């Protein structure tokens, strides 16, 4: 298990290094951001769910200008909306410390692609898939013993209106697929249930909640039934230069649990930044949570590191402008220095 142990610490180390670099660079020139069309509580005809990238933003994306600052603000709005028309690939690592009777670290790496689709003139379908990779400590000797592999996949499908409203919402089904590669990494059941997300984005704030409940309907007969609620509250406040403060605790309730151990109630938050690595917009954040309530043997506190690839909409004109900008930058880099 030495390889698994090294692997589960690799992503936190890489992301921590990136975050440290961002903090050091924030005192210098502002990082370029893509421009997205404005969303302002009814003043605009488009919500963040359907706001494309503005051509002007592409032209000024490498300059420290008011327009570049607007780029960051609007891209943050989309990135903080779980059902925006923004293709994204979040990679989220959750380290749960002091887990189990031997106070070890459980590690969960979630790969969570979000793919929006337009359904006619009035509706969007947003597909969110959570694909977890677990390191699960197990009891016994030696101390590095544990299980490593894929856990159960959780796809969700949100139907959301495209028309602009101050309250953004989406609803649809969510599923539990028993894809775990090891018995201790999954629940061994097929499940389904409803999912709902509601949010609003006044000014510099994003306030919302995403909740679902899954019931099992078939699966391994010797495994416990699943009846579990997951609720994520998200509170974000945007700061200058692409930075933001965030509190996004995930509450869970295992309705099948008896004699205690039903709830996990985390409290905490962290900081993040929307920026560009080269020409690729990314969202990087770090958050810490203490569990005010957790089941026996559970983790009292955790760290969440997230790296998100963002893919704003580009039409042909914007793609051409972006390509010209890339070629210009390459020419400048290859030009001989005096």
Protein backbone atom coordinates (compact mmCIF):
# COMPACT_ATOMS: atom_id res chain seq x y z
CA UNK A 1 0.00 0.00 0.00
CA UNK A 2 2.98 2.37 -0.11
CA UNK A 3 2.08 3.40 -3.65
CA UNK A 4 -1.52 4.14 -2.61
CA UNK A 5 -0.27 6.17 0.36
CA UNK A 6 1.97 8.31 -1.85
CA UNK A 7 -0.81 8.73 -4.41
CA UNK A 8 -3.41 9.94 -1.94
CA UNK A 9 -1.09 12.74 -0.76
CA UNK A 10 0.01 13.82 -4.25
CA UNK A 11 -2.98 15.98 -5.21
CA UNK A 12 -3.17 17.90 -1.89
CA UNK A 13 0.55 18.70 -2.18
CA UNK A 14 0.23 19.90 -5.80
CA UNK A 15 -2.84 22.04 -5.10
CA UNK A 16 -1.29 23.50 -1.96
CA UNK A 17 1.74 24.53 -4.01
CA UNK A 18 -0.45 26.19 -6.64
CA UNK A 19 -2.38 28.11 -3.98
CA UNK A 20 0.85 29.33 -2.40
CA UNK A 21 2.00 30.56 -5.80
CA UNK A 22 -1.26 32.39 -6.35
CA UNK A 23 -0.94 34.23 -3.05
CA UNK A 24 2.58 35.31 -3.97
CA UNK A 25 1.50 36.51 -7.41
CA UNK A 26 -1.60 38.39 -6.23
CA UNK A 27 0.53 41.38 -5.21
CA UNK A 28 1.73 41.78 -8.78
CA UNK A 29 -0.13 42.27 -12.05
CA UNK A 30 -3.71 41.09 -12.25
CA UNK A 31 -4.17 37.80 -14.02
CA UNK A 32 -6.11 37.97 -17.32
CA UNK A 33 -9.71 36.78 -17.25
CA UNK A 34 -12.28 35.97 -19.89
CA UNK A 35 -15.19 38.39 -20.35
CA UNK A 36 -18.75 37.19 -19.83
CA UNK A 37 -21.92 39.17 -20.41
CA UNK A 38 -23.37 41.01 -17.45
CA UNK A 39 -25.96 39.53 -15.14
CA UNK A 40 -27.62 42.06 -12.84
CA UNK A 41 -30.85 41.15 -11.06
CA UNK A 42 -33.23 41.88 -13.92
CA UNK A 43 -31.20 44.61 -15.67
CA UNK A 44 -29.86 42.02 -18.09
CA UNK A 45 -31.88 39.74 -20.34
CA UNK A 46 -29.57 36.81 -19.61
CA UNK A 47 -28.74 34.94 -16.47
CA UNK A 48 -25.37 33.46 -15.61
CA UNK A 49 -26.84 30.19 -16.83
CA UNK A 50 -26.65 31.29 -20.45
CA UNK A 51 -24.12 34.13 -20.48
CA UNK A 52 -21.51 33.64 -23.23
CA UNK A 53 -18.03 35.12 -23.27
CA UNK A 54 -17.95 38.72 -24.51
CA UNK A 55 -15.62 39.40 -27.48
CA UNK A 56 -14.34 42.56 -25.77
CA UNK A 57 -13.22 40.48 -22.87
CA UNK A 58 -11.12 38.33 -25.18
CA UNK A 59 -9.38 41.43 -26.53
CA UNK A 60 -8.48 42.82 -23.12
CA UNK A 61 -7.94 39.50 -21.43
CA UNK A 62 -4.20 40.08 -20.98
CA UNK A 63 -4.46 43.65 -19.70
CA UNK A 64 -5.06 45.02 -16.22
CA UNK A 65 -8.15 47.12 -17.02
CA UNK A 66 -11.64 47.63 -15.57
CA UNK A 67 -12.95 45.36 -18.30
CA UNK A 68 -10.55 42.62 -17.21
CA UNK A 69 -11.84 43.01 -13.64
CA UNK A 70 -15.40 42.56 -14.94
CA UNK A 71 -14.23 39.37 -16.65
CA UNK A 72 -13.24 37.87 -13.30
CA UNK A 73 -16.46 38.96 -11.61
CA UNK A 74 -18.74 37.43 -14.21
CA UNK A 75 -16.73 34.25 -14.61
CA UNK A 76 -16.89 33.81 -10.83
CA UNK A 77 -20.68 34.17 -11.01
CA UNK A 78 -20.88 31.31 -13.49
CA UNK A 79 -18.33 29.16 -11.68
CA UNK A 80 -20.26 29.53 -8.40
CA UNK A 81 -23.58 28.56 -10.01
CA UNK A 82 -23.93 24.74 -10.01
CA UNK A 83 -26.34 24.81 -12.97
CA UNK A 84 -24.78 27.50 -15.15
CA UNK A 85 -24.35 26.94 -18.89
CA UNK A 86 -20.65 26.50 -18.27
CA UNK A 87 -18.83 23.27 -18.98
CA UNK A 88 -16.48 22.58 -16.10
CA UNK A 89 -14.39 19.73 -14.72
CA UNK A 90 -13.97 20.02 -10.95
CA UNK A 91 -11.30 17.86 -9.31
CA UNK A 92 -11.94 17.92 -5.57
CA UNK A 93 -9.83 16.24 -2.90
CA UNK A 94 -11.30 15.73 0.58
CA UNK A 95 -8.93 14.67 3.35
CA UNK A 96 -10.80 13.50 6.47
CA UNK A 97 -8.40 13.46 9.40
CA UNK A 98 -8.39 11.34 12.59
CA UNK A 99 -10.70 8.82 10.94
CA UNK A 100 -11.49 5.48 12.55
CA UNK A 101 -10.19 3.88 15.74
CA UNK A 102 -6.54 4.41 14.71
CA UNK A 103 -6.96 8.15 13.91
CA UNK A 104 -5.88 7.81 10.31
CA UNK A 105 -6.71 9.84 7.20
CA UNK A 106 -9.49 8.92 4.80
CA UNK A 107 -8.99 10.47 1.36
CA UNK A 108 -11.70 11.01 -1.27
CA UNK A 109 -10.83 12.37 -4.71
CA UNK A 110 -14.00 13.43 -6.58
CA UNK A 111 -13.91 13.97 -10.33
CA UNK A 112 -17.12 15.88 -11.09
CA UNK A 113 -17.70 16.90 -14.74
CA UNK A 114 -20.59 19.31 -15.32
CA UNK A 115 -22.09 19.34 -18.82
CA UNK A 116 -25.00 21.68 -19.72
CA UNK A 117 -27.30 21.15 -22.71
CA UNK A 118 -30.02 23.35 -24.17
CA UNK A 119 -33.49 21.76 -24.43
CA UNK A 120 -35.54 23.90 -26.81
CA UNK A 121 -35.92 27.63 -26.16
CA UNK A 122 -36.97 27.51 -22.51
CA UNK A 123 -35.00 24.83 -20.67
CA UNK A 124 -31.48 23.65 -19.92
CA UNK A 125 -30.44 20.16 -18.85
CA UNK A 126 -27.35 20.18 -16.64
CA UNK A 127 -25.66 16.82 -16.05
CA UNK A 128 -23.45 16.54 -12.96
CA UNK A 129 -21.55 13.29 -12.34
CA UNK A 130 -19.56 12.56 -9.18
CA UNK A 131 -16.93 9.84 -9.66
CA UNK A 132 -15.14 9.22 -6.32
CA UNK A 133 -11.74 7.60 -5.88
CA UNK A 134 -11.32 6.46 -2.27
CA UNK A 135 -8.54 5.64 0.10
CA UNK A 136 -10.37 3.96 2.99
CA UNK A 137 -8.37 3.08 6.13
CA UNK A 138 -9.26 -0.30 7.54
CA UNK A 139 -8.67 -1.69 11.01
CA UNK A 140 -5.76 -4.00 11.73
CA UNK A 141 -2.03 -4.22 11.21
CA UNK A 142 0.09 -2.93 9.61
CA UNK A 143 -0.97 0.69 10.06
CA UNK A 144 -0.76 1.47 6.33
CA UNK A 145 -3.39 -1.16 5.57
CA UNK A 146 -6.40 0.17 3.64
CA UNK A 147 -8.52 -0.09 0.51
CA UNK A 148 -7.91 2.06 -2.55
CA UNK A 149 -10.09 2.30 -5.67
CA UNK A 150 -13.29 3.61 -7.21
CA UNK A 151 -16.42 4.14 -5.15
CA UNK A 152 -20.08 4.40 -6.26
CA UNK A 153 -20.84 6.87 -9.06
CA UNK A 154 -23.54 9.49 -8.44
CA UNK A 155 -24.99 11.17 -11.60
CA UNK A 156 -27.59 13.94 -11.28
CA UNK A 157 -29.71 15.65 -13.94
CA UNK A 158 -31.09 19.16 -13.38
CA UNK A 159 -33.79 20.71 -15.55
CA UNK A 160 -33.54 24.49 -15.25
CA UNK A 161 -35.39 27.37 -16.97
CA UNK A 162 -33.27 29.51 -19.28
CA UNK A 163 -35.28 32.71 -18.72
CA UNK A 164 -33.68 35.27 -16.43
CA UNK A 165 -34.90 35.34 -12.82
CA UNK A 166 -33.44 36.62 -9.57
CA UNK A 167 -33.96 33.12 -8.15
CA UNK A 168 -32.15 30.43 -10.16
CA UNK A 169 -33.32 26.87 -9.69
CA UNK A 170 -33.05 23.38 -11.14
CA UNK A 171 -34.60 20.03 -10.28
CA UNK A 172 -34.38 16.45 -11.48
CA UNK A 173 -33.38 12.89 -10.60
CA UNK A 174 -30.18 11.66 -9.00
CA UNK A 175 -28.91 8.07 -9.01
CA UNK A 176 -26.57 5.78 -7.09
CA UNK A 177 -24.63 3.27 -9.20
CA UNK A 178 -22.77 0.43 -7.39
CA UNK A 179 -19.47 0.79 -9.25
CA UNK A 180 -17.11 0.37 -6.27
CA UNK A 181 -14.04 -1.77 -6.98
CA UNK A 182 -13.86 -2.97 -3.37
CA UNK A 183 -16.65 -3.93 -0.98
CA UNK A 184 -15.53 -1.47 1.70
CA UNK A 185 -15.54 1.43 -0.80
CA UNK A 186 -19.22 1.32 -1.77
CA UNK A 187 -22.73 0.54 -0.57
CA UNK A 188 -23.52 -2.30 -2.97
CA UNK A 189 -26.93 -0.88 -3.89
CA UNK A 190 -28.72 0.73 -6.81
CA UNK A 191 -30.52 3.88 -5.73
CA UNK A 192 -32.43 6.92 -6.98
CA UNK A 193 -34.18 10.00 -5.66
CA UNK A 194 -34.93 13.71 -6.26
CA UNK A 195 -32.39 16.53 -6.42
CA UNK A 196 -32.98 20.28 -6.14
CA UNK A 197 -30.75 23.36 -6.34
CA UNK A 198 -31.86 26.92 -5.55
CA UNK A 199 -29.62 30.00 -5.51
CA UNK A 200 -29.47 33.76 -5.93
CA UNK A 201 -26.55 36.03 -6.82
CA UNK A 202 -27.12 39.58 -5.50
CA UNK A 203 -24.14 41.87 -5.98
CA UNK A 204 -20.93 40.18 -4.86
CA UNK A 205 -22.76 37.31 -3.15
CA UNK A 206 -23.78 33.82 -4.20
CA UNK A 207 -26.23 32.18 -1.78
CA UNK A 208 -27.83 28.81 -2.35
CA UNK A 209 -28.44 25.20 -1.42
CA UNK A 210 -28.20 21.88 -3.28
CA UNK A 211 -30.04 18.95 -1.72
CA UNK A 212 -30.91 15.37 -2.68
CA UNK A 213 -32.15 12.19 -1.07
CA UNK A 214 -31.40 8.70 -2.37
CA UNK A 215 -33.29 5.49 -1.59
CA UNK A 216 -31.97 2.09 -2.64
CA UNK A 217 -34.32 -0.18 -4.61
CA UNK A 218 -32.16 -3.22 -5.36
CA UNK A 219 -28.64 -4.54 -4.93
CA UNK A 220 -26.68 -6.96 -2.78
CA UNK A 221 -29.06 -8.60 -0.35
CA UNK A 222 -26.55 -8.71 2.51
CA UNK A 223 -25.90 -4.94 2.37
CA UNK A 224 -27.79 -2.32 4.37
CA UNK A 225 -30.55 -0.33 2.64
CA UNK A 226 -29.70 3.21 1.59
CA UNK A 227 -31.82 6.17 2.66
CA UNK A 228 -29.51 9.17 2.78
CA UNK A 229 -29.84 12.93 2.37
CA UNK A 230 -27.01 15.17 1.18
CA UNK A 231 -27.34 18.95 1.46
CA UNK A 232 -24.67 21.45 0.44
CA UNK A 233 -25.10 25.08 1.47
CA UNK A 234 -22.92 27.51 -0.46
CA UNK A 235 -22.12 31.08 0.55
CA UNK A 236 -19.58 32.97 -1.56
CA UNK A 237 -18.43 36.59 -1.33
CA UNK A 238 -16.35 37.92 -4.21
CA UNK A 239 -13.24 40.05 -3.60
CA UNK A 240 -11.01 42.04 -6.01
CA UNK A 241 -8.56 40.39 -8.44
CA UNK A 242 -10.57 37.17 -8.82
CA UNK A 243 -10.42 36.15 -5.16
CA UNK A 244 -13.45 35.06 -3.14
CA UNK A 245 -14.39 33.81 0.31
CA UNK A 246 -16.46 30.64 0.49
CA UNK A 247 -18.31 28.46 2.94
CA UNK A 248 -19.71 25.32 1.28
CA UNK A 249 -20.38 22.74 4.02
CA UNK A 250 -21.91 19.40 3.01
CA UNK A 251 -24.43 18.08 5.55
CA UNK A 252 -25.40 14.41 5.40
CA UNK A 253 -28.12 12.43 7.16
CA UNK A 254 -28.22 8.63 7.15
CA UNK A 255 -31.90 7.97 7.93
CA UNK A 256 -31.19 4.25 8.37
CA UNK A 257 -28.77 4.88 11.25
CA UNK A 258 -29.95 4.06 14.77
CA UNK A 259 -28.52 4.78 18.22
CA UNK A 260 -26.80 7.96 17.04
CA UNK A 261 -24.47 8.55 14.13
CA UNK A 262 -27.15 9.83 11.79
CA UNK A 263 -25.80 13.32 11.05
CA UNK A 264 -22.58 14.93 9.83
CA UNK A 265 -22.67 18.70 10.43
CA UNK A 266 -19.53 20.58 9.28
CA UNK A 267 -18.70 24.22 10.05
CA UNK A 268 -16.00 26.20 8.25
CA UNK A 269 -14.93 27.74 4.98
CA UNK A 270 -11.97 28.98 2.99
CA UNK A 271 -10.68 31.07 0.11
CA UNK A 272 -10.45 30.65 -3.65
CA UNK A 273 -9.50 32.40 -6.84
CA UNK A 274 -10.68 32.48 -10.47
CA UNK A 275 -7.69 33.00 -12.75
CA UNK A 276 -6.05 31.74 -15.92
CA UNK A 277 -3.20 29.30 -16.36
CA UNK A 278 -1.99 30.32 -19.79
CA UNK A 279 -5.26 30.65 -21.73
CA UNK A 280 -7.19 28.17 -19.55
CA UNK A 281 -9.59 29.66 -16.95
CA UNK A 282 -9.44 27.76 -13.66
CA UNK A 283 -11.02 27.95 -10.22
CA UNK A 284 -8.74 27.01 -7.31
CA UNK A 285 -9.81 26.90 -3.66
CA UNK A 286 -8.93 25.52 -0.24
CA UNK A 287 -11.39 25.06 2.63
CA UNK A 288 -11.24 23.64 6.16
CA UNK A 289 -14.16 22.23 8.16
CA UNK A 290 -14.69 21.03 11.68
CA UNK A 291 -17.54 18.57 12.22
CA UNK A 292 -19.76 19.77 15.05
CA UNK A 293 -21.67 16.47 14.79
CA UNK A 294 -20.35 13.22 13.33
CA UNK A 295 -20.88 9.47 13.84
CA UNK A 296 -18.68 7.36 16.13
CA UNK A 297 -15.39 6.60 14.38
CA UNK A 298 -15.94 9.44 11.93
CA UNK A 299 -13.62 12.35 11.19
CA UNK A 300 -13.74 15.45 13.43
CA UNK A 301 -12.23 17.75 10.78
CA UNK A 302 -11.31 17.84 7.12
CA UNK A 303 -9.57 19.77 4.36
CA UNK A 304 -11.03 20.29 0.88
CA UNK A 305 -8.79 21.23 -2.07
CA UNK A 306 -10.40 21.94 -5.42
CA UNK A 307 -9.06 22.58 -8.92
CA UNK A 308 -11.67 23.31 -11.61
CA UNK A 309 -11.15 23.61 -15.35
CA UNK A 310 -13.63 26.14 -16.79
CA UNK A 311 -14.79 26.24 -20.44
CA UNK A 312 -16.89 29.38 -21.14
CA UNK A 313 -18.92 29.56 -24.33
CA UNK A 314 -17.11 30.91 -27.38
CA UNK A 315 -18.70 31.63 -30.77
CA UNK A 316 -16.70 31.64 -34.01
CA UNK A 317 -15.80 35.32 -33.72
CA UNK A 318 -14.54 34.83 -30.17
CA UNK A 319 -12.60 31.69 -31.11
CA UNK A 320 -10.92 33.66 -33.92
CA UNK A 321 -10.04 36.51 -31.55
CA UNK A 322 -8.65 34.05 -29.01
CA UNK A 323 -6.54 32.30 -31.66
CA UNK A 324 -5.15 35.63 -32.89
CA UNK A 325 -4.28 36.56 -29.31
CA UNK A 326 -2.49 33.24 -28.78
CA UNK A 327 -0.50 33.68 -32.02
CA UNK A 328 0.47 37.23 -31.00
CA UNK A 329 1.67 36.03 -27.62
CA UNK A 330 3.68 33.21 -29.21
CA UNK A 331 5.34 35.71 -31.58
CA UNK A 332 6.25 37.94 -28.65
CA UNK A 333 7.74 35.00 -26.75
CA UNK A 334 9.81 33.91 -29.78
CA UNK A 335 11.04 37.43 -30.64
CA UNK A 336 14.77 37.93 -29.86
CA UNK A 337 15.43 39.99 -26.75
CA UNK A 338 17.73 43.00 -26.96
